């Protein structure tokens, strides 16, 4: 397993990942930082945990909207064109739930500091 250090909201986090995924995770952390910067500008002074939670919710909303668009594209005559889409949607939903759990865990740890 590889290790990568991500800088999110000015804090460094050491994360384990599969070999070769380091650059992808760095790119994701940059995207998260963009969302945090947008929120900081509109929300003013809030706790870091609140800021991270709001960023997570924005990202989850973007993902949800993307799923709706994908689902709309996979319909033919009102029926799904493939059962594979259902399986993929379930896998993505499970991954999203896992990410949300991790964000909540990070937020809780930040609140306790």
C-alpha atoms as a PDB file:
ATOM      1  CA  UNK A   1       0.000   0.000   0.000  1.00  0.00           C
ATOM      2  CA  UNK A   2       1.144   3.476  -0.841  1.00  0.00           C
ATOM      3  CA  UNK A   3       0.987   6.502   1.468  1.00  0.00           C
ATOM      4  CA  UNK A   4       0.080   9.996   0.393  1.00  0.00           C
ATOM      5  CA  UNK A   5      -0.136  13.166   2.449  1.00  0.00           C
ATOM      6  CA  UNK A   6      -3.128  15.316   1.612  1.00  0.00           C
ATOM      7  CA  UNK A   7      -3.449  18.944   2.604  1.00  0.00           C
ATOM      8  CA  UNK A   8      -7.112  19.755   3.274  1.00  0.00           C
ATOM      9  CA  UNK A   9      -8.097  23.090   4.733  1.00  0.00           C
ATOM     10  CA  UNK A  10      -4.531  23.748   5.831  1.00  0.00           C
ATOM     11  CA  UNK A  11      -4.160  20.433   7.672  1.00  0.00           C
ATOM     12  CA  UNK A  12      -2.096  17.472   6.570  1.00  0.00           C
ATOM     13  CA  UNK A  13      -3.577  13.985   6.516  1.00  0.00           C
ATOM     14  CA  UNK A  14      -1.585  10.840   5.804  1.00  0.00           C
ATOM     15  CA  UNK A  15      -3.742   8.420   3.820  1.00  0.00           C
ATOM     16  CA  UNK A  16      -3.073   4.866   2.690  1.00  0.00           C
ATOM     17  CA  UNK A  17      -4.102   4.015  -0.840  1.00  0.00           C
ATOM     18  CA  UNK A  18      -3.468   1.529  -3.595  1.00  0.00           C
ATOM     19  CA  UNK A  19      -0.183   1.925  -5.426  1.00  0.00           C
ATOM     20  CA  UNK A  20      -0.569   4.365  -8.301  1.00  0.00           C
ATOM     21  CA  UNK A  21      -3.565   6.194  -6.793  1.00  0.00           C
ATOM     22  CA  UNK A  22      -1.534   8.951  -5.144  1.00  0.00           C
ATOM     23  CA  UNK A  23      -2.000  11.548  -7.898  1.00  0.00           C
ATOM     24  CA  UNK A  24      -5.713  10.813  -8.072  1.00  0.00           C
ATOM     25  CA  UNK A  25      -6.095  11.404  -4.326  1.00  0.00           C
ATOM     26  CA  UNK A  26      -4.079  14.611  -4.548  1.00  0.00           C
ATOM     27  CA  UNK A  27      -6.419  15.826  -7.282  1.00  0.00           C
ATOM     28  CA  UNK A  28      -9.455  14.950  -5.181  1.00  0.00           C
ATOM     29  CA  UNK A  29      -8.047  16.836  -2.204  1.00  0.00           C
ATOM     30  CA  UNK A  30      -7.552  19.904  -4.422  1.00  0.00           C
ATOM     31  CA  UNK A  31     -11.193  19.677  -5.469  1.00  0.00           C
ATOM     32  CA  UNK A  32     -12.286  19.417  -1.831  1.00  0.00           C
ATOM     33  CA  UNK A  33     -10.174  22.478  -1.018  1.00  0.00           C
ATOM     34  CA  UNK A  34     -11.908  24.403  -3.798  1.00  0.00           C
ATOM     35  CA  UNK A  35     -15.283  23.580  -2.251  1.00  0.00           C
ATOM     36  CA  UNK A  36     -14.022  24.583   1.199  1.00  0.00           C
ATOM     37  CA  UNK A  37     -12.751  27.899  -0.167  1.00  0.00           C
ATOM     38  CA  UNK A  38     -16.131  28.565  -1.805  1.00  0.00           C
ATOM     39  CA  UNK A  39     -17.926  27.792   1.447  1.00  0.00           C
ATOM     40  CA  UNK A  40     -15.577  29.876   3.565  1.00  0.00           C
ATOM     41  CA  UNK A  41     -16.347  32.861   1.364  1.00  0.00           C
ATOM     42  CA  UNK A  42     -20.101  32.425   1.681  1.00  0.00           C
ATOM     43  CA  UNK A  43     -20.427  31.136   5.265  1.00  0.00           C
ATOM     44  CA  UNK A  44     -17.920  33.278   7.065  1.00  0.00           C
ATOM     45  CA  UNK A  45     -16.407  32.023  10.311  1.00  0.00           C
ATOM     46  CA  UNK A  46     -17.557  28.475  11.168  1.00  0.00           C
ATOM     47  CA  UNK A  47     -15.862  25.519  12.803  1.00  0.00           C
ATOM     48  CA  UNK A  48     -13.605  23.353  10.695  1.00  0.00           C
ATOM     49  CA  UNK A  49     -15.827  20.329  11.273  1.00  0.00           C
ATOM     50  CA  UNK A  50     -18.847  22.303  10.048  1.00  0.00           C
ATOM     51  CA  UNK A  51     -16.894  23.452   6.998  1.00  0.00           C
ATOM     52  CA  UNK A  52     -15.811  19.890   6.150  1.00  0.00           C
ATOM     53  CA  UNK A  53     -19.333  18.581   6.634  1.00  0.00           C
ATOM     54  CA  UNK A  54     -20.762  21.244   4.327  1.00  0.00           C
ATOM     55  CA  UNK A  55     -18.092  20.486   1.701  1.00  0.00           C
ATOM     56  CA  UNK A  56     -18.962  16.789   1.949  1.00  0.00           C
ATOM     57  CA  UNK A  57     -22.642  17.571   1.502  1.00  0.00           C
ATOM     58  CA  UNK A  58     -21.923  19.713  -1.564  1.00  0.00           C
ATOM     59  CA  UNK A  59     -19.850  16.928  -3.091  1.00  0.00           C
ATOM     60  CA  UNK A  60     -22.520  14.341  -2.280  1.00  0.00           C
ATOM     61  CA  UNK A  61     -25.116  16.583  -3.933  1.00  0.00           C
ATOM     62  CA  UNK A  62     -22.970  16.896  -7.061  1.00  0.00           C
ATOM     63  CA  UNK A  63     -22.612  13.127  -7.157  1.00  0.00           C
ATOM     64  CA  UNK A  64     -26.331  12.650  -6.661  1.00  0.00           C
ATOM     65  CA  UNK A  65     -27.090  14.978  -9.565  1.00  0.00           C
ATOM     66  CA  UNK A  66     -24.582  13.116 -11.736  1.00  0.00           C
ATOM     67  CA  UNK A  67     -26.338   9.819 -10.911  1.00  0.00           C
ATOM     68  CA  UNK A  68     -29.661  11.288 -11.938  1.00  0.00           C
ATOM     69  CA  UNK A  69     -28.186  12.367 -15.267  1.00  0.00           C
ATOM     70  CA  UNK A  70     -26.570   8.955 -15.781  1.00  0.00           C
ATOM     71  CA  UNK A  71     -29.794   7.191 -14.858  1.00  0.00           C
ATOM     72  CA  UNK A  72     -31.744   9.349 -17.305  1.00  0.00           C
ATOM     73  CA  UNK A  73     -29.262   8.425 -20.025  1.00  0.00           C
ATOM     74  CA  UNK A  74     -29.611   4.699 -19.348  1.00  0.00           C
ATOM     75  CA  UNK A  75     -33.345   4.565 -19.919  1.00  0.00           C
ATOM     76  CA  UNK A  76     -34.898   3.396 -23.148  1.00  0.00           C
ATOM     77  CA  UNK A  77     -38.655   3.680 -23.478  1.00  0.00           C
ATOM     78  CA  UNK A  78     -39.026   4.138 -19.738  1.00  0.00           C
ATOM     79  CA  UNK A  79     -37.013   1.005 -18.899  1.00  0.00           C
ATOM     80  CA  UNK A  80     -33.376   0.686 -17.951  1.00  0.00           C
ATOM     81  CA  UNK A  81     -31.295  -0.486 -20.866  1.00  0.00           C
ATOM     82  CA  UNK A  82     -29.187  -2.747 -18.655  1.00  0.00           C
ATOM     83  CA  UNK A  83     -29.332  -4.437 -15.274  1.00  0.00           C
ATOM     84  CA  UNK A  84     -25.646  -3.509 -14.981  1.00  0.00           C
ATOM     85  CA  UNK A  85     -26.715   0.074 -14.264  1.00  0.00           C
ATOM     86  CA  UNK A  86     -28.526  -1.078 -11.122  1.00  0.00           C
ATOM     87  CA  UNK A  87     -25.477  -2.952  -9.874  1.00  0.00           C
ATOM     88  CA  UNK A  88     -23.202   0.006 -10.615  1.00  0.00           C
ATOM     89  CA  UNK A  89     -25.594   2.410  -8.895  1.00  0.00           C
ATOM     90  CA  UNK A  90     -25.625   0.192  -5.800  1.00  0.00           C
ATOM     91  CA  UNK A  91     -21.822   0.046  -5.784  1.00  0.00           C
ATOM     92  CA  UNK A  92     -21.559   3.803  -6.146  1.00  0.00           C
ATOM     93  CA  UNK A  93     -24.148   4.328  -3.410  1.00  0.00           C
ATOM     94  CA  UNK A  94     -22.140   2.051  -1.102  1.00  0.00           C
ATOM     95  CA  UNK A  95     -18.947   3.962  -1.920  1.00  0.00           C
ATOM     96  CA  UNK A  96     -20.692   7.272  -1.274  1.00  0.00           C
ATOM     97  CA  UNK A  97     -21.998   6.027   2.062  1.00  0.00           C
ATOM     98  CA  UNK A  98     -18.492   4.905   2.994  1.00  0.00           C
ATOM     99  CA  UNK A  99     -17.122   8.350   2.082  1.00  0.00           C
ATOM    100  CA  UNK A 100     -19.824  10.038   4.129  1.00  0.00           C
ATOM    101  CA  UNK A 101     -18.955   7.833   7.118  1.00  0.00           C
ATOM    102  CA  UNK A 102     -15.288   8.768   6.761  1.00  0.00           C
ATOM    103  CA  UNK A 103     -16.138  12.475   6.527  1.00  0.00           C
ATOM    104  CA  UNK A 104     -18.253  12.223   9.665  1.00  0.00           C
ATOM    105  CA  UNK A 105     -15.389  10.454  11.448  1.00  0.00           C
ATOM    106  CA  UNK A 106     -12.925  13.161  10.388  1.00  0.00           C
ATOM    107  CA  UNK A 107     -15.348  15.884  11.450  1.00  0.00           C
ATOM    108  CA  UNK A 108     -15.809  14.240  14.853  1.00  0.00           C
ATOM    109  CA  UNK A 109     -12.050  13.973  15.361  1.00  0.00           C
ATOM    110  CA  UNK A 110     -11.600  17.613  14.382  1.00  0.00           C
ATOM    111  CA  UNK A 111     -14.337  18.699  16.782  1.00  0.00           C
ATOM    112  CA  UNK A 112     -12.645  16.841  19.657  1.00  0.00           C
ATOM    113  CA  UNK A 113      -9.285  18.578  19.067  1.00  0.00           C
END
